[in-house]
Structure formats: structure tokens, C-alpha cells
Amino acid sequence: MKKTMLFATLALVLALFTSCGEKSSGSKLLLNEVLVCNESNYQDDYGQHSAWVEIFNKSYTSADLAGWYLKHSCGAQADTVSYFIPKGDVLTLVKPRQHALFWADGHPNKGTFHTSFILDPDQNNWIGLYDGGGRLVDQVLIKAGLLAADQSYARINDAAEEWEVKGASSDKYVTPSTNNQTLNSNIKRDKFKLQDSTGIGMAITAMSVVFSGLLILFVSFMLAGRIALNLHHRHKSRQHAAHEARKAAAASSSAAAAKAPASSGKVPESEVYAAIAMALYELQANVHDVESNVLTIKRSTPSAWANKANTLRQMPKRK
């Protein structure tokens, strides 16, 4: 019993020296929000109102809680209770900038996210988050009487250094499995509403933009049409000039041919006489080969390709 009292006292002293907040760590995962007394707040998957602990992944990459520990101590009543987060559950992989919610109901047999310890609203509740190597990653101490029913102890913003009580006023909500700071208004919208409450300025601006765009399109298409028409006329005029040039060249060549002497196209008489004399000489010289009037046909031996002729029926000779 003395050892139990000593351990609990040391745990409380350590928590107090850390200013009732988190221990600075370079881990991706941090304790983000705790609700001790749940009367009408968020329900678990069994429809029960239980205390819960929220863990936040502050990085922009996924982080796995499998194999980690959640530890709890209630003052000097008992030893610290450890809950080992089992492996094999895909839901323990916390996505970037997302949350994981654990129910402190003392029924770990209900699932991965149901711890083996419970939170006592009448005593100090110390909660520690340990990695798989047993290193303390983050911790928080909720003092007895700090929270009323359905109030949570949470960071001002996700992964912020400072903590505050949520649920005590209308502008601070209890936010399980979501961002700790919620915005109910749009600053730009509110500012525009102050400047133009009736919306006339917005309507005039929108109509001006639309008509300006239509005018720009009309001018653009008109200019493009004119440019295309000018290019077409220019190309057509070039083709006509080239046709006229070819026509003029053909006319000039015809005129030159007409002016040439008529005798230039005739064959000289001396060449005609020479050709006639050559033809007569060849006819008289009888230069062609003398061929015999006897036809000689040599009968060859049929080849393998002509064997069909040997199989034909031979008619008997008539006497």
C-alpha cells in the first residue's frame, strides 16, 4: 500500500510540474480533448454515455496508434492502469490532421477504442500517452471539480499549447472527433454584408462582369472575322495575278511562234531524196534471210510433267 501511495504521489507531482498540460514532444500524436463526466453528450457505438479521450494527429502524414499505450491514474487510490492499443485494426491508422476517440468505460472487450480504465469526476485524472517503446509522448491532468457534467478539457486549437474548458459557454463547444475551434461566421461575408446590406452593389457588379465579358467576346469575334476576310481577299488577288501572268506568258509565246519563218518547219528536199534512194537500195540488195518452205518439228521425249499424254487411250489402227 505504501508503494502505491508513493507512486501516485510522484505521478501527481510530475503532472503539476508540467503545468497541468502536455509534455513537449516531437510526436505526431497528441492528447487533444478529454471529457470526464458524460451525461447527455456524445454516445458510443453501443448507445452509452461514457467518458472519452481524443487523440489528434498534428502532422500531414498518417500515424498508427497500434501498439501504443494509454495510461490513467486517479490520485492516490490505485496504481496506474495501462491500456494497450491492440494491433490489427485498420482504424488505428489516424489520417493527417484527423482525430481518434477512445471511450474510457472500462470495457476493453467492446472493441479497440474502449479502454480498460474509467475516469472519476470527483478526483484528479491523469492521462498519459506512451508510444510502443514505452516513451511518454503526451500527458494531461484534469483536476477534481474542474469540469461539470458534459464539459471537456481541451486545447484551444488542435495541437495548441494552451488548454481550456469547453461547454461552459455558448461560444465554446465540446467537439469530439472534430476540430476544437469551430467558426460559426464568415468574416468576408459579414464584412460584405455591412458594406452592401441590400445586395444592389453585388447585383450591379455581377451584371457588369457578365455584360463586359459578352462585349469582349463580340469585339474579339468581329475582329477575327475581319482579319480572316482580309486574308481571303489577299490570297484570292494573288491567285488572280499569277493566273494573269501565266496567261500573258502563253500569249507572248504564241505570238513569237507566229512570227517565225514558215520554211523552218519543212524537211530539206536533199534529205528526202537520200531516204528514197536508201530504201530502193535495200530492196534490190535482198538483205533478208532466205528461208526454206519445209517445216521441221522435232519430237521430244515427254517429261514427268507430260506423263498424262501417255495414259490417253490409243485408238486401234484401221486397215
C-alpha atoms as a PDB file:
ATOM      1  CA  MET A   1       0.000   0.000   0.000  1.00  0.00           C
ATOM      2  CA  LYS A   2       2.894   2.372   0.796  1.00  0.00           C
ATOM      3  CA  LYS A   3       4.386   1.734  -2.640  1.00  0.00           C
ATOM      4  CA  THR A   4       1.055   2.540  -4.256  1.00  0.00           C
ATOM      5  CA  MET A   5       0.756   5.811  -2.339  1.00  0.00           C
ATOM      6  CA  LEU A   6       4.328   6.783  -3.232  1.00  0.00           C
ATOM      7  CA  PHE A   7       3.854   6.054  -6.943  1.00  0.00           C
ATOM      8  CA  ALA A   8       0.616   8.021  -7.139  1.00  0.00           C
ATOM      9  CA  THR A   9       2.194  10.982  -5.340  1.00  0.00           C
ATOM     10  CA  LEU A  10       5.151  11.021  -7.715  1.00  0.00           C
ATOM     11  CA  ALA A  11       2.816  10.908 -10.703  1.00  0.00           C
ATOM     12  CA  LEU A  12       0.821  13.871  -9.398  1.00  0.00           C
ATOM     13  CA  VAL A  13       3.973  15.883  -8.695  1.00  0.00           C
ATOM     14  CA  LEU A  14       5.256  15.177 -12.196  1.00  0.00           C
ATOM     15  CA  ALA A  15       1.970  16.276 -13.695  1.00  0.00           C
ATOM     16  CA  LEU A  16       1.939  19.501 -11.673  1.00  0.00           C
ATOM     17  CA  PHE A  17       5.472  20.374 -12.788  1.00  0.00           C
ATOM     18  CA  THR A  18       4.310  20.078 -16.401  1.00  0.00           C
ATOM     19  CA  SER A  19       1.772  22.881 -15.745  1.00  0.00           C
ATOM     20  CA  CYS A  20      -1.249  20.628 -15.971  1.00  0.00           C
ATOM     21  CA  GLY A  21      -0.724  20.254 -19.699  1.00  0.00           C
ATOM     22  CA  GLU A  22       1.182  18.295 -22.238  1.00  0.00           C
ATOM     23  CA  LYS A  23       4.790  17.329 -22.286  1.00  0.00           C
ATOM     24  CA  SER A  24       6.608  18.833 -25.217  1.00  0.00           C
ATOM     25  CA  SER A  25       7.268  16.136 -27.766  1.00  0.00           C
ATOM     26  CA  GLY A  26       8.093  15.808 -31.391  1.00  0.00           C
ATOM     27  CA  SER A  27       5.480  13.092 -31.854  1.00  0.00           C
ATOM     28  CA  LYS A  28       2.755  13.345 -34.452  1.00  0.00           C
ATOM     29  CA  LEU A  29       0.078  12.217 -31.984  1.00  0.00           C
ATOM     30  CA  LEU A  30      -1.107  14.290 -29.022  1.00  0.00           C
ATOM     31  CA  LEU A  31      -3.852  14.223 -26.422  1.00  0.00           C
ATOM     32  CA  ASN A  32      -6.315  16.812 -27.654  1.00  0.00           C
ATOM     33  CA  GLU A  33      -9.530  16.740 -25.583  1.00  0.00           C
ATOM     34  CA  VAL A  34     -10.914  14.850 -22.576  1.00  0.00           C
ATOM     35  CA  LEU A  35     -14.484  14.600 -21.264  1.00  0.00           C
ATOM     36  CA  VAL A  36     -14.758  13.128 -17.751  1.00  0.00           C
ATOM     37  CA  CYS A  37     -18.487  13.149 -16.938  1.00  0.00           C
ATOM     38  CA  ASN A  38     -20.761  12.288 -19.852  1.00  0.00           C
ATOM     39  CA  GLU A  39     -24.467  12.601 -19.098  1.00  0.00           C
ATOM     40  CA  SER A  40     -26.004  13.711 -22.406  1.00  0.00           C
ATOM     41  CA  ASN A  41     -23.038  14.220 -24.687  1.00  0.00           C
ATOM     42  CA  TYR A  42     -21.684  12.038 -27.458  1.00  0.00           C
ATOM     43  CA  GLN A  43     -22.721   8.342 -27.439  1.00  0.00           C
ATOM     44  CA  ASP A  44     -20.537   5.369 -28.284  1.00  0.00           C
ATOM     45  CA  ASP A  45     -21.427   2.644 -30.769  1.00  0.00           C
ATOM     46  CA  TYR A  46     -23.401   0.839 -28.024  1.00  0.00           C
ATOM     47  CA  GLY A  47     -25.546   3.885 -27.274  1.00  0.00           C
ATOM     48  CA  GLN A  48     -23.848   4.518 -23.919  1.00  0.00           C
ATOM     49  CA  HIS A  49     -22.753   7.877 -22.479  1.00  0.00           C
ATOM     50  CA  SER A  50     -19.172   7.274 -21.378  1.00  0.00           C
ATOM     51  CA  ALA A  51     -16.129   9.426 -20.727  1.00  0.00           C
ATOM     52  CA  TRP A  52     -13.802   9.760 -23.684  1.00  0.00           C
ATOM     53  CA  VAL A  53     -10.269  10.764 -24.644  1.00  0.00           C
ATOM     54  CA  GLU A  54      -9.477  12.331 -28.012  1.00  0.00           C
ATOM     55  CA  ILE A  55      -6.098  11.959 -29.756  1.00  0.00           C
ATOM     56  CA  PHE A  56      -5.086  14.242 -32.634  1.00  0.00           C
ATOM     57  CA  ASN A  57      -2.612  13.660 -35.457  1.00  0.00           C
ATOM     58  CA  LYS A  58      -0.964  17.066 -35.930  1.00  0.00           C
ATOM     59  CA  SER A  59       1.164  16.063 -38.920  1.00  0.00           C
ATOM     60  CA  TYR A  60       0.317  15.920 -42.608  1.00  0.00           C
ATOM     61  CA  THR A  61       1.065  12.196 -42.852  1.00  0.00           C
ATOM     62  CA  SER A  62      -0.777   9.241 -41.362  1.00  0.00           C
ATOM     63  CA  ALA A  63       0.237   7.891 -37.935  1.00  0.00           C
ATOM     64  CA  ASP A  64      -0.601   4.495 -36.447  1.00  0.00           C
ATOM     65  CA  LEU A  65      -1.662   4.090 -32.788  1.00  0.00           C
ATOM     66  CA  ALA A  66      -1.363   0.301 -32.854  1.00  0.00           C
ATOM     67  CA  GLY A  67       0.985  -0.915 -30.119  1.00  0.00           C
ATOM     68  CA  TRP A  68       0.774   2.337 -28.118  1.00  0.00           C
ATOM     69  CA  TYR A  69      -0.450   2.753 -24.532  1.00  0.00           C
ATOM     70  CA  LEU A  70      -2.987   4.928 -22.776  1.00  0.00           C
ATOM     71  CA  LYS A  71      -2.305   5.153 -19.031  1.00  0.00           C
ATOM     72  CA  HIS A  72      -4.550   6.584 -16.315  1.00  0.00           C
ATOM     73  CA  SER A  73      -4.157   7.374 -12.643  1.00  0.00           C
ATOM     74  CA  CYS A  74      -6.769   8.714 -10.186  1.00  0.00           C
ATOM     75  CA  GLY A  75      -4.860  10.404  -7.385  1.00  0.00           C
ATOM     76  CA  ALA A  76      -3.568   8.010  -4.721  1.00  0.00           C
ATOM     77  CA  GLN A  77      -6.287   5.397  -4.925  1.00  0.00           C
ATOM     78  CA  ALA A  78      -4.634   2.774  -7.076  1.00  0.00           C
ATOM     79  CA  ASP A  79      -1.730   2.022  -9.345  1.00  0.00           C
ATOM     80  CA  THR A  80      -1.698   3.444 -12.832  1.00  0.00           C
ATOM     81  CA  VAL A  81      -3.886   1.464 -15.220  1.00  0.00           C
ATOM     82  CA  SER A  82      -2.458   0.834 -18.688  1.00  0.00           C
ATOM     83  CA  TYR A  83      -4.462   0.143 -21.813  1.00  0.00           C
ATOM     84  CA  PHE A  84      -2.590  -1.427 -24.713  1.00  0.00           C
ATOM     85  CA  ILE A  85      -3.997  -0.355 -28.062  1.00  0.00           C
ATOM     86  CA  PRO A  86      -4.216  -3.648 -29.975  1.00  0.00           C
ATOM     87  CA  LYS A  87      -2.719  -4.223 -33.382  1.00  0.00           C
ATOM     88  CA  GLY A  88      -4.549  -5.414 -36.454  1.00  0.00           C
ATOM     89  CA  ASP A  89      -7.291  -2.773 -36.531  1.00  0.00           C
ATOM     90  CA  VAL A  90      -7.096  -0.537 -39.600  1.00  0.00           C
ATOM     91  CA  LEU A  91      -8.932   2.228 -37.753  1.00  0.00           C
ATOM     92  CA  THR A  92      -5.924   2.829 -35.510  1.00  0.00           C
ATOM     93  CA  LEU A  93      -4.246   4.484 -38.508  1.00  0.00           C
ATOM     94  CA  VAL A  94      -5.062   8.149 -37.951  1.00  0.00           C
ATOM     95  CA  LYS A  95      -5.127  10.175 -41.136  1.00  0.00           C
ATOM     96  CA  PRO A  96      -3.386  13.570 -41.424  1.00  0.00           C
ATOM     97  CA  ARG A  97      -4.957  16.281 -39.240  1.00  0.00           C
ATOM     98  CA  GLN A  98      -7.632  13.859 -38.028  1.00  0.00           C
ATOM     99  CA  HIS A  99      -8.783  12.533 -34.642  1.00  0.00           C
ATOM    100  CA  ALA A 100      -9.175   9.212 -32.835  1.00  0.00           C
ATOM    101  CA  LEU A 101     -11.696   8.862 -29.955  1.00  0.00           C
ATOM    102  CA  PHE A 102     -11.265   6.346 -27.117  1.00  0.00           C
ATOM    103  CA  TRP A 103     -14.079   5.553 -24.670  1.00  0.00           C
ATOM    104  CA  ALA A 104     -12.974   5.360 -21.035  1.00  0.00           C
ATOM    105  CA  ASP A 105     -15.694   2.914 -19.965  1.00  0.00           C
ATOM    106  CA  GLY A 106     -13.609   0.070 -18.502  1.00  0.00           C
ATOM    107  CA  HIS A 107     -14.837  -2.444 -21.110  1.00  0.00           C
ATOM    108  CA  PRO A 108     -11.952  -3.230 -23.490  1.00  0.00           C
ATOM    109  CA  ASN A 109     -13.847  -6.306 -24.712  1.00  0.00           C
ATOM    110  CA  LYS A 110     -16.247  -3.981 -26.579  1.00  0.00           C
ATOM    111  CA  GLY A 111     -13.608  -3.083 -29.141  1.00  0.00           C
ATOM    112  CA  THR A 112     -10.295  -1.450 -29.899  1.00  0.00           C
ATOM    113  CA  PHE A 113     -11.431   2.020 -28.862  1.00  0.00           C
ATOM    114  CA  HIS A 114     -12.816   1.040 -25.443  1.00  0.00           C
ATOM    115  CA  THR A 115     -10.172   1.358 -22.709  1.00  0.00           C
ATOM    116  CA  SER A 116      -9.672  -0.720 -19.584  1.00  0.00           C
ATOM    117  CA  PHE A 117      -9.960   2.289 -17.228  1.00  0.00           C
ATOM    118  CA  ILE A 118     -12.646   4.798 -16.308  1.00  0.00           C
ATOM    119  CA  LEU A 119     -12.437   8.482 -15.376  1.00  0.00           C
ATOM    120  CA  ASP A 120     -13.628   9.675 -11.951  1.00  0.00           C
ATOM    121  CA  PRO A 121     -15.065  13.231 -11.929  1.00  0.00           C
ATOM    122  CA  ASP A 122     -14.584  13.527  -8.163  1.00  0.00           C
ATOM    123  CA  GLN A 123     -10.794  13.022  -8.258  1.00  0.00           C
ATOM    124  CA  ASN A 124      -7.768  14.155 -10.210  1.00  0.00           C
ATOM    125  CA  ASN A 125      -7.456  12.302 -13.504  1.00  0.00           C
ATOM    126  CA  TRP A 126      -4.022  11.950 -15.024  1.00  0.00           C
ATOM    127  CA  ILE A 127      -3.835  10.546 -18.558  1.00  0.00           C
ATOM    128  CA  GLY A 128      -0.615   9.693 -20.376  1.00  0.00           C
ATOM    129  CA  LEU A 129       0.042   8.656 -23.965  1.00  0.00           C
ATOM    130  CA  TYR A 130       3.003   6.311 -24.498  1.00  0.00           C
ATOM    131  CA  ASP A 131       4.471   5.003 -27.733  1.00  0.00           C
ATOM    132  CA  GLY A 132       5.342   1.371 -28.429  1.00  0.00           C
ATOM    133  CA  GLY A 133       8.773   1.769 -26.845  1.00  0.00           C
ATOM    134  CA  GLY A 134       7.334   2.929 -23.519  1.00  0.00           C
ATOM    135  CA  ARG A 135       8.282   6.597 -24.033  1.00  0.00           C
ATOM    136  CA  LEU A 136       5.923   9.232 -22.660  1.00  0.00           C
ATOM    137  CA  VAL A 137       4.663  11.215 -25.639  1.00  0.00           C
ATOM    138  CA  ASP A 138       1.989  13.420 -24.060  1.00  0.00           C
ATOM    139  CA  GLN A 139       0.080  13.802 -20.802  1.00  0.00           C
ATOM    140  CA  VAL A 140      -2.655  15.876 -19.207  1.00  0.00           C
ATOM    141  CA  LEU A 141      -4.028  16.325 -15.692  1.00  0.00           C
ATOM    142  CA  ILE A 142      -7.677  17.204 -15.084  1.00  0.00           C
ATOM    143  CA  LYS A 143      -8.153  18.365 -11.510  1.00  0.00           C
ATOM    144  CA  ALA A 144     -11.139  17.308  -9.468  1.00  0.00           C
ATOM    145  CA  GLY A 145     -14.034  19.745  -9.735  1.00  0.00           C
ATOM    146  CA  LEU A 146     -12.615  21.485 -12.799  1.00  0.00           C
ATOM    147  CA  LEU A 147     -15.269  20.111 -15.154  1.00  0.00           C
ATOM    148  CA  ALA A 148     -19.011  19.919 -14.753  1.00  0.00           C
ATOM    149  CA  ALA A 149     -21.182  17.353 -16.492  1.00  0.00           C
ATOM    150  CA  ASP A 150     -20.828  17.329 -20.288  1.00  0.00           C
ATOM    151  CA  GLN A 151     -17.869  19.703 -20.178  1.00  0.00           C
ATOM    152  CA  SER A 152     -14.486  18.854 -21.661  1.00  0.00           C
ATOM    153  CA  TYR A 153     -10.914  19.916 -21.070  1.00  0.00           C
ATOM    154  CA  ALA A 154      -9.403  20.627 -24.477  1.00  0.00           C
ATOM    155  CA  ARG A 155      -6.730  22.536 -26.292  1.00  0.00           C
ATOM    156  CA  ILE A 156      -7.773  25.962 -27.562  1.00  0.00           C
ATOM    157  CA  ASN A 157      -6.973  24.805 -31.091  1.00  0.00           C
ATOM    158  CA  ASP A 158      -5.921  21.401 -32.325  1.00  0.00           C
ATOM    159  CA  ALA A 159      -2.351  20.718 -31.115  1.00  0.00           C
ATOM    160  CA  ALA A 160      -2.127  24.124 -29.376  1.00  0.00           C
ATOM    161  CA  GLU A 161      -0.113  24.571 -26.174  1.00  0.00           C
ATOM    162  CA  GLU A 162      -2.896  26.090 -24.064  1.00  0.00           C
ATOM    163  CA  TRP A 163      -5.896  24.213 -22.677  1.00  0.00           C
ATOM    164  CA  GLU A 164      -9.370  25.465 -21.715  1.00  0.00           C
ATOM    165  CA  VAL A 165     -12.761  24.260 -20.507  1.00  0.00           C
ATOM    166  CA  LYS A 166     -15.293  23.746 -23.298  1.00  0.00           C
ATOM    167  CA  GLY A 167     -19.043  23.540 -22.912  1.00  0.00           C
ATOM    168  CA  ALA A 168     -19.305  26.213 -20.219  1.00  0.00           C
ATOM    169  CA  SER A 169     -20.399  28.950 -22.676  1.00  0.00           C
ATOM    170  CA  SER A 170     -22.253  29.172 -25.967  1.00  0.00           C
ATOM    171  CA  ASP A 171     -19.144  30.128 -27.964  1.00  0.00           C
ATOM    172  CA  LYS A 172     -17.057  27.157 -26.787  1.00  0.00           C
ATOM    173  CA  TYR A 173     -18.384  23.796 -27.844  1.00  0.00           C
ATOM    174  CA  VAL A 174     -17.463  20.258 -26.881  1.00  0.00           C
ATOM    175  CA  THR A 175     -16.040  18.819 -30.095  1.00  0.00           C
ATOM    176  CA  PRO A 176     -15.443  15.054 -30.066  1.00  0.00           C
ATOM    177  CA  SER A 177     -13.722  13.756 -33.208  1.00  0.00           C
ATOM    178  CA  THR A 178     -13.592  17.201 -34.795  1.00  0.00           C
ATOM    179  CA  ASN A 179     -11.650  20.459 -34.647  1.00  0.00           C
ATOM    180  CA  ASN A 180     -11.501  22.112 -31.245  1.00  0.00           C
ATOM    181  CA  GLN A 181     -12.185  25.540 -32.706  1.00  0.00           C
ATOM    182  CA  THR A 182     -15.328  25.918 -34.790  1.00  0.00           C
ATOM    183  CA  LEU A 183     -16.163  29.026 -36.813  1.00  0.00           C
ATOM    184  CA  ASN A 184     -19.825  29.979 -36.952  1.00  0.00           C
ATOM    185  CA  SER A 185     -19.347  33.011 -39.162  1.00  0.00           C
ATOM    186  CA  ASN A 186     -17.635  34.037 -42.354  1.00  0.00           C
ATOM    187  CA  ILE A 187     -15.558  37.197 -41.909  1.00  0.00           C
ATOM    188  CA  LYS A 188     -15.631  38.157 -45.592  1.00  0.00           C
ATOM    189  CA  ARG A 189     -19.353  37.575 -45.847  1.00  0.00           C
ATOM    190  CA  ASP A 190     -20.075  39.616 -42.742  1.00  0.00           C
ATOM    191  CA  LYS A 191     -17.882  42.454 -43.972  1.00  0.00           C
ATOM    192  CA  PHE A 192     -19.591  42.484 -47.350  1.00  0.00           C
ATOM    193  CA  LYS A 193     -22.973  42.437 -45.640  1.00  0.00           C
ATOM    194  CA  LEU A 194     -22.060  45.563 -43.702  1.00  0.00           C
ATOM    195  CA  GLN A 195     -20.996  47.373 -46.857  1.00  0.00           C
ATOM    196  CA  ASP A 196     -23.914  46.215 -49.036  1.00  0.00           C
ATOM    197  CA  SER A 197     -26.851  45.131 -46.898  1.00  0.00           C
ATOM    198  CA  THR A 198     -29.445  45.169 -49.715  1.00  0.00           C
ATOM    199  CA  GLY A 199     -27.301  43.387 -52.314  1.00  0.00           C
ATOM    200  CA  ILE A 200     -27.680  46.057 -55.004  1.00  0.00           C
ATOM    201  CA  GLY A 201     -23.939  46.503 -55.323  1.00  0.00           C
ATOM    202  CA  MET A 202     -23.481  42.747 -55.700  1.00  0.00           C
ATOM    203  CA  ALA A 203     -26.137  42.611 -58.441  1.00  0.00           C
ATOM    204  CA  ILE A 204     -24.641  45.554 -60.348  1.00  0.00           C
ATOM    205  CA  THR A 205     -21.152  44.066 -60.092  1.00  0.00           C
ATOM    206  CA  ALA A 206     -22.298  40.672 -61.343  1.00  0.00           C
ATOM    207  CA  MET A 207     -24.237  42.148 -64.279  1.00  0.00           C
ATOM    208  CA  SER A 208     -21.309  44.379 -65.199  1.00  0.00           C
ATOM    209  CA  VAL A 209     -18.957  41.428 -65.269  1.00  0.00           C
ATOM    210  CA  VAL A 210     -21.347  39.395 -67.461  1.00  0.00           C
ATOM    211  CA  PHE A 211     -22.007  42.179 -69.976  1.00  0.00           C
ATOM    212  CA  SER A 212     -18.330  43.126 -70.091  1.00  0.00           C
ATOM    213  CA  GLY A 213     -17.446  39.550 -70.910  1.00  0.00           C
ATOM    214  CA  LEU A 214     -20.077  39.407 -73.666  1.00  0.00           C
ATOM    215  CA  LEU A 215     -18.828  42.697 -75.140  1.00  0.00           C
ATOM    216  CA  ILE A 216     -15.244  41.466 -75.162  1.00  0.00           C
ATOM    217  CA  LEU A 217     -16.313  38.253 -76.909  1.00  0.00           C
ATOM    218  CA  PHE A 218     -18.306  40.218 -79.539  1.00  0.00           C
ATOM    219  CA  VAL A 219     -15.387  42.509 -80.348  1.00  0.00           C
ATOM    220  CA  SER A 220     -12.959  39.568 -80.458  1.00  0.00           C
ATOM    221  CA  PHE A 221     -15.099  37.562 -82.893  1.00  0.00           C
ATOM    222  CA  MET A 222     -15.722  40.640 -85.082  1.00  0.00           C
ATOM    223  CA  LEU A 223     -12.010  41.397 -85.356  1.00  0.00           C
ATOM    224  CA  ALA A 224     -11.210  37.759 -86.045  1.00  0.00           C
ATOM    225  CA  GLY A 225     -13.813  37.694 -88.861  1.00  0.00           C
ATOM    226  CA  ARG A 226     -12.430  40.832 -90.473  1.00  0.00           C
ATOM    227  CA  ILE A 227      -8.876  39.539 -90.338  1.00  0.00           C
ATOM    228  CA  ALA A 228      -9.921  36.227 -91.901  1.00  0.00           C
ATOM    229  CA  LEU A 229     -11.850  38.036 -94.669  1.00  0.00           C
ATOM    230  CA  ASN A 230      -8.875  40.289 -95.486  1.00  0.00           C
ATOM    231  CA  LEU A 231      -6.567  37.289 -95.678  1.00  0.00           C
ATOM    232  CA  HIS A 232      -9.020  35.558 -98.027  1.00  0.00           C
ATOM    233  CA  HIS A 233      -9.193  38.570-100.347  1.00  0.00           C
ATOM    234  CA  ARG A 234      -5.423  38.921-100.338  1.00  0.00           C
ATOM    235  CA  HIS A 235      -4.957  35.257-101.236  1.00  0.00           C
ATOM    236  CA  LYS A 236      -7.547  35.497-103.997  1.00  0.00           C
ATOM    237  CA  SER A 237      -5.889  38.577-105.507  1.00  0.00           C
ATOM    238  CA  ARG A 238      -2.528  36.798-105.504  1.00  0.00           C
ATOM    239  CA  GLN A 239      -4.029  33.819-107.323  1.00  0.00           C
ATOM    240  CA  HIS A 240      -5.633  36.123-109.925  1.00  0.00           C
ATOM    241  CA  ALA A 241      -2.327  37.949-110.527  1.00  0.00           C
ATOM    242  CA  ALA A 242      -0.499  34.647-111.017  1.00  0.00           C
ATOM    243  CA  HIS A 243      -3.183  33.462-113.474  1.00  0.00           C
ATOM    244  CA  GLU A 244      -2.909  36.673-115.462  1.00  0.00           C
ATOM    245  CA  ALA A 245       0.883  36.332-115.565  1.00  0.00           C
ATOM    246  CA  ARG A 246       0.658  32.775-116.913  1.00  0.00           C
ATOM    247  CA  LYS A 247      -1.917  33.888-119.473  1.00  0.00           C
ATOM    248  CA  ALA A 248       0.307  36.754-120.649  1.00  0.00           C
ATOM    249  CA  ALA A 249       3.312  34.404-120.946  1.00  0.00           C
ATOM    250  CA  ALA A 250       1.304  31.955-123.060  1.00  0.00           C
ATOM    251  CA  ALA A 251       0.110  34.778-125.345  1.00  0.00           C
ATOM    252  CA  SER A 252       3.650  36.077-125.847  1.00  0.00           C
ATOM    253  CA  SER A 253       4.963  32.613-126.742  1.00  0.00           C
ATOM    254  CA  SER A 254       2.153  32.154-129.314  1.00  0.00           C
ATOM    255  CA  ALA A 255       2.967  35.496-130.910  1.00  0.00           C
ATOM    256  CA  ALA A 256       6.662  34.581-131.151  1.00  0.00           C
ATOM    257  CA  ALA A 257       5.799  31.276-132.831  1.00  0.00           C
ATOM    258  CA  ALA A 258       3.575  33.067-135.350  1.00  0.00           C
ATOM    259  CA  LYS A 259       6.378  35.466-136.316  1.00  0.00           C
ATOM    260  CA  ALA A 260       8.875  32.620-137.045  1.00  0.00           C
ATOM    261  CA  PRO A 261       9.579  31.795-140.828  1.00  0.00           C
ATOM    262  CA  ALA A 262       7.295  29.193-142.391  1.00  0.00           C
ATOM    263  CA  SER A 263      10.153  27.247-144.084  1.00  0.00           C
ATOM    264  CA  SER A 264      11.745  26.432-140.733  1.00  0.00           C
ATOM    265  CA  GLY A 265       9.344  23.518-140.168  1.00  0.00           C
ATOM    266  CA  LYS A 266       9.923  21.742-143.554  1.00  0.00           C
ATOM    267  CA  VAL A 267      12.406  18.877-144.277  1.00  0.00           C
ATOM    268  CA  PRO A 268      15.027  19.703-146.968  1.00  0.00           C
ATOM    269  CA  GLU A 269      14.489  18.039-150.376  1.00  0.00           C
ATOM    270  CA  SER A 270      18.007  16.574-150.368  1.00  0.00           C
ATOM    271  CA  GLU A 271      17.237  14.506-147.269  1.00  0.00           C
ATOM    272  CA  VAL A 272      14.011  13.210-148.824  1.00  0.00           C
ATOM    273  CA  TYR A 273      15.855  12.058-151.910  1.00  0.00           C
ATOM    274  CA  ALA A 274      18.542  10.357-149.827  1.00  0.00           C
ATOM    275  CA  ALA A 275      15.927   8.375-147.853  1.00  0.00           C
ATOM    276  CA  ILE A 276      14.191   7.201-151.030  1.00  0.00           C
ATOM    277  CA  ALA A 277      17.477   6.069-152.537  1.00  0.00           C
ATOM    278  CA  MET A 278      18.413   4.094-149.409  1.00  0.00           C
ATOM    279  CA  ALA A 279      15.055   2.262-149.447  1.00  0.00           C
ATOM    280  CA  LEU A 280      15.463   1.284-153.099  1.00  0.00           C
ATOM    281  CA  TYR A 281      18.988   0.002-152.488  1.00  0.00           C
ATOM    282  CA  GLU A 282      17.884  -2.251-149.643  1.00  0.00           C
ATOM    283  CA  LEU A 283      15.060  -3.676-151.730  1.00  0.00           C
ATOM    284  CA  GLN A 284      17.416  -4.511-154.601  1.00  0.00           C
ATOM    285  CA  ALA A 285      20.159  -5.944-152.403  1.00  0.00           C
ATOM    286  CA  ASN A 286      17.750  -8.571-150.927  1.00  0.00           C
ATOM    287  CA  VAL A 287      19.238  -8.326-147.482  1.00  0.00           C
ATOM    288  CA  HIS A 288      16.584 -10.508-145.840  1.00  0.00           C
ATOM    289  CA  ASP A 289      17.349 -14.179-144.839  1.00  0.00           C
ATOM    290  CA  VAL A 290      16.308 -16.883-147.254  1.00  0.00           C
ATOM    291  CA  GLU A 291      14.067 -19.364-145.505  1.00  0.00           C
ATOM    292  CA  SER A 292      13.051 -22.888-146.650  1.00  0.00           C
ATOM    293  CA  ASN A 293       9.411 -23.774-147.200  1.00  0.00           C
ATOM    294  CA  VAL A 294       9.806 -27.143-145.290  1.00  0.00           C
ATOM    295  CA  LEU A 295       8.538 -27.217-141.698  1.00  0.00           C
ATOM    296  CA  THR A 296      10.738 -29.236-139.339  1.00  0.00           C
ATOM    297  CA  ILE A 297       9.259 -30.268-135.976  1.00  0.00           C
ATOM    298  CA  LYS A 298      11.426 -32.300-133.618  1.00  0.00           C
ATOM    299  CA  ARG A 299       9.541 -34.769-131.426  1.00  0.00           C
ATOM    300  CA  SER A 300      10.889 -34.662-127.910  1.00  0.00           C
ATOM    301  CA  THR A 301      10.679 -37.264-125.149  1.00  0.00           C
ATOM    302  CA  PRO A 302       7.771 -36.496-122.787  1.00  0.00           C
ATOM    303  CA  SER A 303       8.844 -35.370-119.363  1.00  0.00           C
ATOM    304  CA  ALA A 304       7.391 -36.233-115.984  1.00  0.00           C
ATOM    305  CA  TRP A 305       5.134 -33.205-116.246  1.00  0.00           C
ATOM    306  CA  ALA A 306       3.646 -34.530-119.545  1.00  0.00           C
ATOM    307  CA  ASN A 307       3.045 -38.160-118.466  1.00  0.00           C
ATOM    308  CA  LYS A 308      -0.664 -37.629-118.784  1.00  0.00           C
ATOM    309  CA  ALA A 309      -0.308 -37.870-122.560  1.00  0.00           C
ATOM    310  CA  ASN A 310       0.942 -41.495-122.209  1.00  0.00           C
ATOM    311  CA  THR A 311      -2.185 -42.563-120.341  1.00  0.00           C
ATOM    312  CA  LEU A 312      -4.603 -41.479-123.036  1.00  0.00           C
ATOM    313  CA  ARG A 313      -6.491 -44.218-124.830  1.00  0.00           C
ATOM    314  CA  GLN A 314      -4.910 -45.151-128.149  1.00  0.00           C
ATOM    315  CA  MET A 315      -7.330 -45.860-130.883  1.00  0.00           C
ATOM    316  CA  PRO A 316      -6.669 -49.033-132.964  1.00  0.00           C
ATOM    317  CA  LYS A 317      -5.374 -48.535-136.443  1.00  0.00           C
ATOM    318  CA  ARG A 318      -7.783 -49.269-139.221  1.00  0.00           C
ATOM    319  CA  LYS A 319      -6.665 -51.466-142.093  1.00  0.00           C
END
